[in-house]
């Protein structure tokens, strides 16, 4: 019975680590670019998060590779001068009144 609980807990922890790795992979680069005020989270924060993951017990080979890849990406981001990400502005949809001047052609 204890073996099942240990195995189940280990599987759950592994899933949490996978989710944390995926989250960091998704948000690290945009947060390093930040906005005109600078980075939202600096490299020190991301490096700390990644090293905390490395301290977890029983990481799989794929998890180790993913964390290593993220650390390499972080080093690359630190080496570059990051410009703020452009802010997308929504264009208003064209109204039907604006298109009334168009002449419909008969087929």
PDB file of N, CA and C in Angstrom:
ATOM      1  N   UNK A   1       0.816  -1.189   0.000  1.00  0.00           N
ATOM      2  CA  UNK A   1       0.000   0.000   0.000  1.00  0.00           C
ATOM      3  C   UNK A   1       0.866   1.263   0.000  1.00  0.00           C
ATOM      4  N   UNK A   2       1.933   1.261   0.831  1.00  0.00           N
ATOM      5  CA  UNK A   2       2.808   2.417   0.883  1.00  0.00           C
ATOM      6  C   UNK A   2       3.523   2.629  -0.448  1.00  0.00           C
ATOM      7  N   UNK A   3       3.847   1.556  -1.131  1.00  0.00           N
ATOM      8  CA  UNK A   3       4.511   1.646  -2.427  1.00  0.00           C
ATOM      9  C   UNK A   3       3.612   2.357  -3.431  1.00  0.00           C
ATOM     10  N   UNK A   4       2.303   2.060  -3.403  1.00  0.00           N
ATOM     11  CA  UNK A   4       1.367   2.706  -4.317  1.00  0.00           C
ATOM     12  C   UNK A   4       1.280   4.197  -4.022  1.00  0.00           C
ATOM     13  N   UNK A   5       1.193   4.574  -2.746  1.00  0.00           N
ATOM     14  CA  UNK A   5       1.094   5.985  -2.378  1.00  0.00           C
ATOM     15  C   UNK A   5       2.365   6.736  -2.763  1.00  0.00           C
ATOM     16  N   UNK A   6       3.506   6.120  -2.543  1.00  0.00           N
ATOM     17  CA  UNK A   6       4.771   6.755  -2.913  1.00  0.00           C
ATOM     18  C   UNK A   6       4.855   6.936  -4.415  1.00  0.00           C
ATOM     19  N   UNK A   7       4.468   5.911  -5.155  1.00  0.00           N
ATOM     20  CA  UNK A   7       4.497   5.981  -6.609  1.00  0.00           C
ATOM     21  C   UNK A   7       3.533   7.040  -7.118  1.00  0.00           C
ATOM     22  N   UNK A   8       2.358   7.103  -6.526  1.00  0.00           N
ATOM     23  CA  UNK A   8       1.361   8.086  -6.928  1.00  0.00           C
ATOM     24  C   UNK A   8       1.836   9.500  -6.634  1.00  0.00           C
ATOM     25  N   UNK A   9       2.427   9.697  -5.465  1.00  0.00           N
ATOM     26  CA  UNK A   9       2.934  11.019  -5.096  1.00  0.00           C
ATOM     27  C   UNK A   9       4.080  11.422  -6.016  1.00  0.00           C
ATOM     28  N   UNK A  10       4.953  10.466  -6.362  1.00  0.00           N
ATOM     29  CA  UNK A  10       6.059  10.767  -7.265  1.00  0.00           C
ATOM     30  C   UNK A  10       5.578  11.152  -8.645  1.00  0.00           C
ATOM     31  N   UNK A  11       4.532  10.475  -9.121  1.00  0.00           N
ATOM     32  CA  UNK A  11       3.961  10.788 -10.424  1.00  0.00           C
ATOM     33  C   UNK A  11       3.339  12.180 -10.417  1.00  0.00           C
ATOM     34  N   UNK A  12       2.665  12.510  -9.316  1.00  0.00           N
ATOM     35  CA  UNK A  12       2.042  13.829  -9.193  1.00  0.00           C
ATOM     36  C   UNK A  12       3.109  14.917  -9.186  1.00  0.00           C
ATOM     37  N   UNK A  13       4.193  14.713  -8.440  1.00  0.00           N
ATOM     38  CA  UNK A  13       5.277  15.689  -8.375  1.00  0.00           C
ATOM     39  C   UNK A  13       5.933  15.854  -9.746  1.00  0.00           C
ATOM     40  N   UNK A  14       6.104  14.744 -10.455  1.00  0.00           N
ATOM     41  CA  UNK A  14       6.684  14.809 -11.786  1.00  0.00           C
ATOM     42  C   UNK A  14       5.807  15.625 -12.734  1.00  0.00           C
ATOM     43  N   UNK A  15       4.498  15.454 -12.609  1.00  0.00           N
ATOM     44  CA  UNK A  15       3.568  16.230 -13.437  1.00  0.00           C
ATOM     45  C   UNK A  15       3.659  17.715 -13.102  1.00  0.00           C
ATOM     46  N   UNK A  16       3.766  18.041 -11.823  1.00  0.00           N
ATOM     47  CA  UNK A  16       3.908  19.444 -11.421  1.00  0.00           C
ATOM     48  C   UNK A  16       5.192  20.047 -11.970  1.00  0.00           C
ATOM     49  N   UNK A  17       6.255  19.275 -11.954  1.00  0.00           N
ATOM     50  CA  UNK A  17       7.527  19.759 -12.507  1.00  0.00           C
ATOM     51  C   UNK A  17       7.397  19.977 -14.007  1.00  0.00           C
ATOM     52  N   UNK A  18       6.745  19.055 -14.708  1.00  0.00           N
ATOM     53  CA  UNK A  18       6.512  19.230 -16.157  1.00  0.00           C
ATOM     54  C   UNK A  18       5.716  20.502 -16.431  1.00  0.00           C
ATOM     55  N   UNK A  19       4.699  20.744 -15.621  1.00  0.00           N
ATOM     56  CA  UNK A  19       3.871  21.931 -15.807  1.00  0.00           C
ATOM     57  C   UNK A  19       4.666  23.203 -15.512  1.00  0.00           C
ATOM     58  N   UNK A  20       5.513  23.157 -14.501  1.00  0.00           N
ATOM     59  CA  UNK A  20       6.333  24.317 -14.169  1.00  0.00           C
ATOM     60  C   UNK A  20       7.333  24.608 -15.282  1.00  0.00           C
ATOM     61  N   UNK A  21       7.937  23.566 -15.831  1.00  0.00           N
ATOM     62  CA  UNK A  21       8.876  23.736 -16.949  1.00  0.00           C
ATOM     63  C   UNK A  21       8.156  24.343 -18.155  1.00  0.00           C
ATOM     64  N   UNK A  22       6.967  23.849 -18.461  1.00  0.00           N
ATOM     65  CA  UNK A  22       6.199  24.377 -19.599  1.00  0.00           C
ATOM     66  C   UNK A  22       5.822  25.834 -19.368  1.00  0.00           C
ATOM     67  N   UNK A  23       5.447  26.173 -18.144  1.00  0.00           N
ATOM     68  CA  UNK A  23       5.084  27.553 -17.826  1.00  0.00           C
ATOM     69  C   UNK A  23       6.284  28.477 -18.006  1.00  0.00           C
ATOM     70  N   UNK A  24       7.423  28.084 -17.485  1.00  0.00           N
ATOM     71  CA  UNK A  24       8.622  28.912 -17.611  1.00  0.00           C
ATOM     72  C   UNK A  24       9.014  29.068 -19.076  1.00  0.00           C
ATOM     73  N   UNK A  25       8.922  27.993 -19.838  1.00  0.00           N
ATOM     74  CA  UNK A  25       9.246  28.066 -21.267  1.00  0.00           C
ATOM     75  C   UNK A  25       8.323  29.039 -22.002  1.00  0.00           C
ATOM     76  N   UNK A  26       7.083  29.117 -21.561  1.00  0.00           N
ATOM     77  CA  UNK A  26       6.099  29.975 -22.212  1.00  0.00           C
ATOM     78  C   UNK A  26       6.274  31.447 -21.856  1.00  0.00           C
ATOM     79  N   UNK A  27       6.625  31.752 -20.605  1.00  0.00           N
ATOM     80  CA  UNK A  27       6.572  33.152 -20.164  1.00  0.00           C
ATOM     81  C   UNK A  27       7.933  33.803 -19.925  1.00  0.00           C
ATOM     82  N   UNK A  28       9.013  33.039 -19.940  1.00  0.00           N
ATOM     83  CA  UNK A  28      10.320  33.612 -19.615  1.00  0.00           C
ATOM     84  C   UNK A  28      10.734  34.689 -20.613  1.00  0.00           C
ATOM     85  N   UNK A  29      10.687  34.375 -21.891  1.00  0.00           N
ATOM     86  CA  UNK A  29      11.133  35.337 -22.903  1.00  0.00           C
ATOM     87  C   UNK A  29      10.291  36.627 -22.898  1.00  0.00           C
ATOM     88  N   UNK A  30       8.963  36.547 -22.934  1.00  0.00           N
ATOM     89  CA  UNK A  30       8.197  37.802 -22.899  1.00  0.00           C
ATOM     90  C   UNK A  30       8.433  38.619 -21.632  1.00  0.00           C
ATOM     91  N   UNK A  31       8.612  37.956 -20.499  1.00  0.00           N
ATOM     92  CA  UNK A  31       8.820  38.714 -19.262  1.00  0.00           C
ATOM     93  C   UNK A  31      10.203  39.356 -19.227  1.00  0.00           C
ATOM     94  N   UNK A  32      11.150  38.777 -19.926  1.00  0.00           N
ATOM     95  CA  UNK A  32      12.485  39.377 -20.000  1.00  0.00           C
ATOM     96  C   UNK A  32      12.478  40.593 -20.926  1.00  0.00           C
ATOM     97  N   UNK A  33      11.658  40.536 -21.981  1.00  0.00           N
ATOM     98  CA  UNK A  33      11.524  41.697 -22.858  1.00  0.00           C
ATOM     99  C   UNK A  33      10.837  42.825 -22.120  1.00  0.00           C
ATOM    100  N   UNK A  34       9.786  42.476 -21.397  1.00  0.00           N
ATOM    101  CA  UNK A  34       9.072  43.469 -20.609  1.00  0.00           C
ATOM    102  C   UNK A  34       8.400  44.526 -21.455  1.00  0.00           C
ATOM    103  N   UNK A  35       8.359  45.709 -20.907  1.00  0.00           N
ATOM    104  CA  UNK A  35       7.759  46.843 -21.604  1.00  0.00           C
ATOM    105  C   UNK A  35       8.731  48.012 -21.486  1.00  0.00           C
ATOM    106  N   UNK A  36       8.248  49.221 -21.651  1.00  0.00           N
ATOM    107  CA  UNK A  36       9.145  50.382 -21.611  1.00  0.00           C
ATOM    108  C   UNK A  36       9.786  50.570 -20.238  1.00  0.00           C
ATOM    109  N   UNK A  37       9.189  49.987 -19.203  1.00  0.00           N
ATOM    110  CA  UNK A  37       9.749  50.087 -17.858  1.00  0.00           C
ATOM    111  C   UNK A  37      10.824  49.051 -17.583  1.00  0.00           C
ATOM    112  N   UNK A  38      11.109  48.193 -18.535  1.00  0.00           N
ATOM    113  CA  UNK A  38      12.129  47.160 -18.356  1.00  0.00           C
ATOM    114  C   UNK A  38      11.508  45.789 -18.201  1.00  0.00           C
ATOM    115  N   UNK A  39      12.345  44.855 -17.815  1.00  0.00           N
ATOM    116  CA  UNK A  39      11.900  43.468 -17.676  1.00  0.00           C
ATOM    117  C   UNK A  39      10.869  43.346 -16.556  1.00  0.00           C
ATOM    118  N   UNK A  40       9.866  42.515 -16.787  1.00  0.00           N
ATOM    119  CA  UNK A  40       8.859  42.262 -15.765  1.00  0.00           C
ATOM    120  C   UNK A  40       9.477  41.413 -14.662  1.00  0.00           C
ATOM    121  N   UNK A  41      10.157  40.328 -15.036  1.00  0.00           N
ATOM    122  CA  UNK A  41      10.933  39.516 -14.110  1.00  0.00           C
ATOM    123  C   UNK A  41      12.343  39.422 -14.666  1.00  0.00           C
ATOM    124  N   UNK A  42      13.357  39.768 -13.876  1.00  0.00           N
ATOM    125  CA  UNK A  42      14.736  39.747 -14.385  1.00  0.00           C
ATOM    126  C   UNK A  42      15.283  38.327 -14.481  1.00  0.00           C
ATOM    127  N   UNK A  43      16.444  38.218 -15.081  1.00  0.00           N
ATOM    128  CA  UNK A  43      17.096  36.927 -15.271  1.00  0.00           C
ATOM    129  C   UNK A  43      17.381  36.233 -13.942  1.00  0.00           C
ATOM    130  N   UNK A  44      17.674  36.998 -12.913  1.00  0.00           N
ATOM    131  CA  UNK A  44      17.958  36.409 -11.595  1.00  0.00           C
ATOM    132  C   UNK A  44      16.762  35.593 -11.098  1.00  0.00           C
ATOM    133  N   UNK A  45      15.557  36.104 -11.323  1.00  0.00           N
ATOM    134  CA  UNK A  45      14.349  35.401 -10.898  1.00  0.00           C
ATOM    135  C   UNK A  45      14.212  34.064 -11.634  1.00  0.00           C
ATOM    136  N   UNK A  46      14.391  34.092 -12.952  1.00  0.00           N
ATOM    137  CA  UNK A  46      14.219  32.868 -13.751  1.00  0.00           C
ATOM    138  C   UNK A  46      15.307  31.854 -13.444  1.00  0.00           C
ATOM    139  N   UNK A  47      16.540  32.336 -13.228  1.00  0.00           N
ATOM    140  CA  UNK A  47      17.624  31.425 -12.893  1.00  0.00           C
ATOM    141  C   UNK A  47      17.342  30.738 -11.554  1.00  0.00           C
ATOM    142  N   UNK A  48      16.822  31.489 -10.584  1.00  0.00           N
ATOM    143  CA  UNK A  48      16.472  30.918  -9.282  1.00  0.00           C
ATOM    144  C   UNK A  48      15.392  29.849  -9.428  1.00  0.00           C
ATOM    145  N   UNK A  49      14.360  30.148 -10.233  1.00  0.00           N
ATOM    146  CA  UNK A  49      13.284  29.171 -10.454  1.00  0.00           C
ATOM    147  C   UNK A  49      13.813  27.897 -11.086  1.00  0.00           C
ATOM    148  N   UNK A  50      14.697  28.040 -12.068  1.00  0.00           N
ATOM    149  CA  UNK A  50      15.230  26.865 -12.762  1.00  0.00           C
ATOM    150  C   UNK A  50      16.143  26.044 -11.849  1.00  0.00           C
ATOM    151  N   UNK A  51      16.955  26.709 -11.037  1.00  0.00           N
ATOM    152  CA  UNK A  51      17.811  25.966 -10.117  1.00  0.00           C
ATOM    153  C   UNK A  51      17.002  25.274  -9.017  1.00  0.00           C
ATOM    154  N   UNK A  52      15.867  25.860  -8.619  1.00  0.00           N
ATOM    155  CA  UNK A  52      14.980  25.182  -7.669  1.00  0.00           C
ATOM    156  C   UNK A  52      14.421  23.899  -8.283  1.00  0.00           C
ATOM    157  N   UNK A  53      14.104  23.948  -9.571  1.00  0.00           N
ATOM    158  CA  UNK A  53      13.635  22.733 -10.242  1.00  0.00           C
ATOM    159  C   UNK A  53      14.738  21.672 -10.308  1.00  0.00           C
ATOM    160  N   UNK A  54      15.954  22.112 -10.528  1.00  0.00           N
ATOM    161  CA  UNK A  54      17.069  21.157 -10.593  1.00  0.00           C
ATOM    162  C   UNK A  54      17.296  20.447  -9.256  1.00  0.00           C
ATOM    163  N   UNK A  55      16.899  21.082  -8.164  1.00  0.00           N
ATOM    164  CA  UNK A  55      17.075  20.481  -6.845  1.00  0.00           C
ATOM    165  C   UNK A  55      16.000  19.439  -6.522  1.00  0.00           C
ATOM    166  N   UNK A  56      14.990  19.332  -7.360  1.00  0.00           N
ATOM    167  CA  UNK A  56      13.922  18.352  -7.117  1.00  0.00           C
ATOM    168  C   UNK A  56      14.490  16.940  -7.231  1.00  0.00           C
ATOM    169  N   UNK A  57      13.894  16.034  -6.491  1.00  0.00           N
ATOM    170  CA  UNK A  57      14.348  14.639  -6.527  1.00  0.00           C
ATOM    171  C   UNK A  57      13.772  13.922  -7.747  1.00  0.00           C
ATOM    172  N   UNK A  58      14.555  13.015  -8.276  1.00  0.00           N
ATOM    173  CA  UNK A  58      14.120  12.096  -9.325  1.00  0.00           C
ATOM    174  C   UNK A  58      13.614  12.803 -10.586  1.00  0.00           C
ATOM    175  N   UNK A  59      14.388  13.755 -11.090  1.00  0.00           N
ATOM    176  CA  UNK A  59      14.037  14.369 -12.371  1.00  0.00           C
ATOM    177  C   UNK A  59      14.284  13.364 -13.487  1.00  0.00           C
ATOM    178  N   UNK A  60      13.409  13.375 -14.460  1.00  0.00           N
ATOM    179  CA  UNK A  60      13.602  12.499 -15.609  1.00  0.00           C
ATOM    180  C   UNK A  60      14.642  13.120 -16.540  1.00  0.00           C
ATOM    181  N   UNK A  61      15.129  12.324 -17.468  1.00  0.00           N
ATOM    182  CA  UNK A  61      16.107  12.819 -18.431  1.00  0.00           C
ATOM    183  C   UNK A  61      15.518  13.951 -19.275  1.00  0.00           C
ATOM    184  N   UNK A  62      14.268  13.819 -19.678  1.00  0.00           N
ATOM    185  CA  UNK A  62      13.649  14.870 -20.496  1.00  0.00           C
ATOM    186  C   UNK A  62      13.467  16.164 -19.691  1.00  0.00           C
ATOM    187  N   UNK A  63      13.170  16.035 -18.402  1.00  0.00           N
ATOM    188  CA  UNK A  63      13.044  17.226 -17.561  1.00  0.00           C
ATOM    189  C   UNK A  63      14.395  17.920 -17.406  1.00  0.00           C
ATOM    190  N   UNK A  64      15.449  17.130 -17.186  1.00  0.00           N
ATOM    191  CA  UNK A  64      16.798  17.704 -17.083  1.00  0.00           C
ATOM    192  C   UNK A  64      17.193  18.423 -18.372  1.00  0.00           C
ATOM    193  N   UNK A  65      16.888  17.815 -19.505  1.00  0.00           N
ATOM    194  CA  UNK A  65      17.202  18.423 -20.804  1.00  0.00           C
ATOM    195  C   UNK A  65      16.420  19.718 -21.009  1.00  0.00           C
ATOM    196  N   UNK A  66      15.152  19.718 -20.631  1.00  0.00           N
ATOM    197  CA  UNK A  66      14.317  20.910 -20.787  1.00  0.00           C
ATOM    198  C   UNK A  66      14.824  22.047 -19.900  1.00  0.00           C
ATOM    199  N   UNK A  67      15.190  21.739 -18.673  1.00  0.00           N
ATOM    200  CA  UNK A  67      15.715  22.772 -17.774  1.00  0.00           C
ATOM    201  C   UNK A  67      17.042  23.301 -18.299  1.00  0.00           C
ATOM    202  N   UNK A  68      17.896  22.410 -18.770  1.00  0.00           N
ATOM    203  CA  UNK A  68      19.179  22.823 -19.347  1.00  0.00           C
ATOM    204  C   UNK A  68      18.961  23.728 -20.547  1.00  0.00           C
ATOM    205  N   UNK A  69      18.012  23.372 -21.397  1.00  0.00           N
ATOM    206  CA  UNK A  69      17.698  24.194 -22.563  1.00  0.00           C
ATOM    207  C   UNK A  69      17.212  25.585 -22.139  1.00  0.00           C
ATOM    208  N   UNK A  70      16.379  25.639 -21.108  1.00  0.00           N
ATOM    209  CA  UNK A  70      15.886  26.930 -20.616  1.00  0.00           C
ATOM    210  C   UNK A  70      17.024  27.764 -20.030  1.00  0.00           C
ATOM    211  N   UNK A  71      17.960  27.128 -19.344  1.00  0.00           N
ATOM    212  CA  UNK A  71      19.115  27.867 -18.828  1.00  0.00           C
ATOM    213  C   UNK A  71      19.967  28.421 -19.965  1.00  0.00           C
ATOM    214  N   UNK A  72      20.129  27.649 -21.041  1.00  0.00           N
ATOM    215  CA  UNK A  72      20.867  28.140 -22.208  1.00  0.00           C
ATOM    216  C   UNK A  72      20.133  29.305 -22.872  1.00  0.00           C
ATOM    217  N   UNK A  73      18.797  29.204 -22.966  1.00  0.00           N
ATOM    218  CA  UNK A  73      18.004  30.306 -23.519  1.00  0.00           C
ATOM    219  C   UNK A  73      18.161  31.555 -22.658  1.00  0.00           C
ATOM    220  N   UNK A  74      18.163  31.364 -21.346  1.00  0.00           N
ATOM    221  CA  UNK A  74      18.318  32.489 -20.426  1.00  0.00           C
ATOM    222  C   UNK A  74      19.674  33.153 -20.609  1.00  0.00           C
ATOM    223  N   UNK A  75      20.721  32.358 -20.744  1.00  0.00           N
ATOM    224  CA  UNK A  75      22.058  32.915 -21.008  1.00  0.00           C
ATOM    225  C   UNK A  75      22.064  33.707 -22.309  1.00  0.00           C
ATOM    226  N   UNK A  76      21.393  33.181 -23.327  1.00  0.00           N
ATOM    227  CA  UNK A  76      21.323  33.854 -24.621  1.00  0.00           C
ATOM    228  C   UNK A  76      20.549  35.177 -24.505  1.00  0.00           C
ATOM    229  N   UNK A  77      19.452  35.152 -23.760  1.00  0.00           N
ATOM    230  CA  UNK A  77      18.669  36.374 -23.570  1.00  0.00           C
ATOM    231  C   UNK A  77      19.463  37.429 -22.808  1.00  0.00           C
ATOM    232  N   UNK A  78      20.250  36.999 -21.836  1.00  0.00           N
ATOM    233  CA  UNK A  78      21.062  37.944 -21.058  1.00  0.00           C
ATOM    234  C   UNK A  78      22.162  38.565 -21.909  1.00  0.00           C
ATOM    235  N   UNK A  79      22.659  37.807 -22.883  1.00  0.00           N
ATOM    236  CA  UNK A  79      23.736  38.296 -23.744  1.00  0.00           C
ATOM    237  C   UNK A  79      23.236  39.323 -24.752  1.00  0.00           C
ATOM    238  N   UNK A  80      21.949  39.303 -25.043  1.00  0.00           N
ATOM    239  CA  UNK A  80      21.383  40.217 -26.036  1.00  0.00           C
ATOM    240  C   UNK A  80      20.796  41.443 -25.347  1.00  0.00           C
ATOM    241  N   UNK A  81      20.772  42.523 -26.080  1.00  0.00           N
ATOM    242  CA  UNK A  81      20.082  43.721 -25.619  1.00  0.00           C
ATOM    243  C   UNK A  81      18.626  43.579 -26.032  1.00  0.00           C
ATOM    244  N   UNK A  82      17.745  43.408 -25.070  1.00  0.00           N
ATOM    245  CA  UNK A  82      16.340  43.150 -25.374  1.00  0.00           C
ATOM    246  C   UNK A  82      15.558  44.447 -25.477  1.00  0.00           C
ATOM    247  N   UNK A  83      14.897  44.609 -26.602  1.00  0.00           N
ATOM    248  CA  UNK A  83      14.014  45.757 -26.789  1.00  0.00           C
ATOM    249  C   UNK A  83      12.623  45.384 -26.280  1.00  0.00           C
ATOM    250  N   UNK A  84      11.851  46.372 -25.822  1.00  0.00           N
ATOM    251  CA  UNK A  84      10.487  46.055 -25.383  1.00  0.00           C
ATOM    252  C   UNK A  84       9.668  45.453 -26.513  1.00  0.00           C
ATOM    253  N   UNK A  85       8.788  44.545 -26.171  1.00  0.00           N
ATOM    254  CA  UNK A  85       7.910  43.948 -27.167  1.00  0.00           C
ATOM    255  C   UNK A  85       6.910  44.991 -27.645  1.00  0.00           C
ATOM    256  N   UNK A  86       6.578  44.993 -28.927  1.00  0.00           N
ATOM    257  CA  UNK A  86       5.597  45.955 -29.426  1.00  0.00           C
ATOM    258  C   UNK A  86       4.215  45.661 -28.858  1.00  0.00           C
ATOM    259  N   UNK A  87       3.500  46.744 -28.606  1.00  0.00           N
ATOM    260  CA  UNK A  87       2.139  46.613 -28.093  1.00  0.00           C
ATOM    261  C   UNK A  87       1.189  46.595 -29.275  1.00  0.00           C
ATOM    262  N   UNK A  88       0.372  45.567 -29.372  1.00  0.00           N
ATOM    263  CA  UNK A  88      -0.585  45.453 -30.474  1.00  0.00           C
ATOM    264  C   UNK A  88      -1.794  46.331 -30.165  1.00  0.00           C
ATOM    265  N   UNK A  89      -2.184  47.097 -31.148  1.00  0.00           N
ATOM    266  CA  UNK A  89      -3.384  47.908 -30.993  1.00  0.00           C
ATOM    267  C   UNK A  89      -4.460  47.343 -31.896  1.00  0.00           C
ATOM    268  N   UNK A  90      -5.638  47.243 -31.372  1.00  0.00           N
ATOM    269  CA  UNK A  90      -6.745  46.683 -32.142  1.00  0.00           C
ATOM    270  C   UNK A  90      -7.306  47.749 -33.075  1.00  0.00           C
ATOM    271  N   UNK A  91      -7.511  47.365 -34.314  1.00  0.00           N
ATOM    272  CA  UNK A  91      -8.122  48.253 -35.292  1.00  0.00           C
ATOM    273  C   UNK A  91      -9.630  48.048 -35.247  1.00  0.00           C
ATOM    274  N   UNK A  92     -10.404  49.133 -35.257  1.00  0.00           N
ATOM    275  CA  UNK A  92     -11.859  48.949 -35.249  1.00  0.00           C
ATOM    276  C   UNK A  92     -12.322  48.289 -36.550  1.00  0.00           C
ATOM    277  N   UNK A  93     -13.310  47.481 -36.424  1.00  0.00           N
ATOM    278  CA  UNK A  93     -13.860  46.808 -37.602  1.00  0.00           C
ATOM    279  C   UNK A  93     -14.542  47.834 -38.502  1.00  0.00           C
ATOM    280  N   UNK A  94     -14.419  47.642 -39.803  1.00  0.00           N
ATOM    281  CA  UNK A  94     -15.055  48.551 -40.750  1.00  0.00           C
ATOM    282  C   UNK A  94     -16.571  48.385 -40.661  1.00  0.00           C
ATOM    283  N   UNK A  95     -17.243  49.511 -40.637  1.00  0.00           N
ATOM    284  CA  UNK A  95     -18.703  49.437 -40.547  1.00  0.00           C
ATOM    285  C   UNK A  95     -19.298  49.196 -41.931  1.00  0.00           C
ATOM    286  N   UNK A  96     -20.535  48.772 -41.935  1.00  0.00           N
ATOM    287  CA  UNK A  96     -21.201  48.540 -43.226  1.00  0.00           C
ATOM    288  C   UNK A  96     -21.415  49.855 -43.962  1.00  0.00           C
ATOM    289  N   UNK A  97     -21.583  50.950 -43.210  1.00  0.00           N
ATOM    290  CA  UNK A  97     -21.790  52.247 -43.852  1.00  0.00           C
ATOM    291  C   UNK A  97     -20.554  52.688 -44.634  1.00  0.00           C
ATOM    292  N   UNK A  98     -19.391  52.343 -44.158  1.00  0.00           N
ATOM    293  CA  UNK A  98     -18.163  52.736 -44.838  1.00  0.00           C
ATOM    294  C   UNK A  98     -18.014  52.014 -46.166  1.00  0.00           C
ATOM    295  N   UNK A  99     -18.659  50.870 -46.324  1.00  0.00           N
ATOM    296  CA  UNK A  99     -18.534  50.086 -47.548  1.00  0.00           C
ATOM    297  C   UNK A  99     -19.686  50.314 -48.525  1.00  0.00           C
ATOM    298  N   UNK A 100     -20.594  51.213 -48.221  1.00  0.00           N
ATOM    299  CA  UNK A 100     -21.755  51.436 -49.107  1.00  0.00           C
ATOM    300  C   UNK A 100     -21.383  52.049 -50.432  1.00  0.00           C
ATOM    301  N   UNK A 101     -20.296  52.765 -50.491  1.00  0.00           N
ATOM    302  CA  UNK A 101     -19.922  53.425 -51.732  1.00  0.00           C
ATOM    303  C   UNK A 101     -19.452  52.432 -52.802  1.00  0.00           C
ATOM    304  N   UNK A 102     -19.154  51.229 -52.417  1.00  0.00           N
ATOM    305  CA  UNK A 102     -18.712  50.225 -53.381  1.00  0.00           C
ATOM    306  C   UNK A 102     -19.878  49.807 -54.272  1.00  0.00           C
ATOM    307  N   UNK A 103     -19.576  49.654 -55.535  1.00  0.00           N
ATOM    308  CA  UNK A 103     -20.588  49.252 -56.502  1.00  0.00           C
ATOM    309  C   UNK A 103     -20.512  47.744 -56.664  1.00  0.00           C
ATOM    310  N   UNK A 104     -21.647  47.114 -56.577  1.00  0.00           N
ATOM    311  CA  UNK A 104     -21.674  45.664 -56.768  1.00  0.00           C
ATOM    312  C   UNK A 104     -21.741  45.356 -58.252  1.00  0.00           C
ATOM    313  N   UNK A 105     -20.946  44.437 -58.663  1.00  0.00           N
ATOM    314  CA  UNK A 105     -20.945  44.032 -60.061  1.00  0.00           C
ATOM    315  C   UNK A 105     -21.869  42.854 -60.221  1.00  0.00           C
ATOM    316  N   UNK A 106     -22.557  42.836 -61.326  1.00  0.00           N
ATOM    317  CA  UNK A 106     -23.414  41.691 -61.634  1.00  0.00           C
ATOM    318  C   UNK A 106     -22.589  40.633 -62.321  1.00  0.00           C
ATOM    319  N   UNK A 107     -22.912  39.418 -62.018  1.00  0.00           N
ATOM    320  CA  UNK A 107     -22.171  38.313 -62.624  1.00  0.00           C
ATOM    321  C   UNK A 107     -22.833  37.823 -63.856  1.00  0.00           C
TER     322      UNK A 107
END
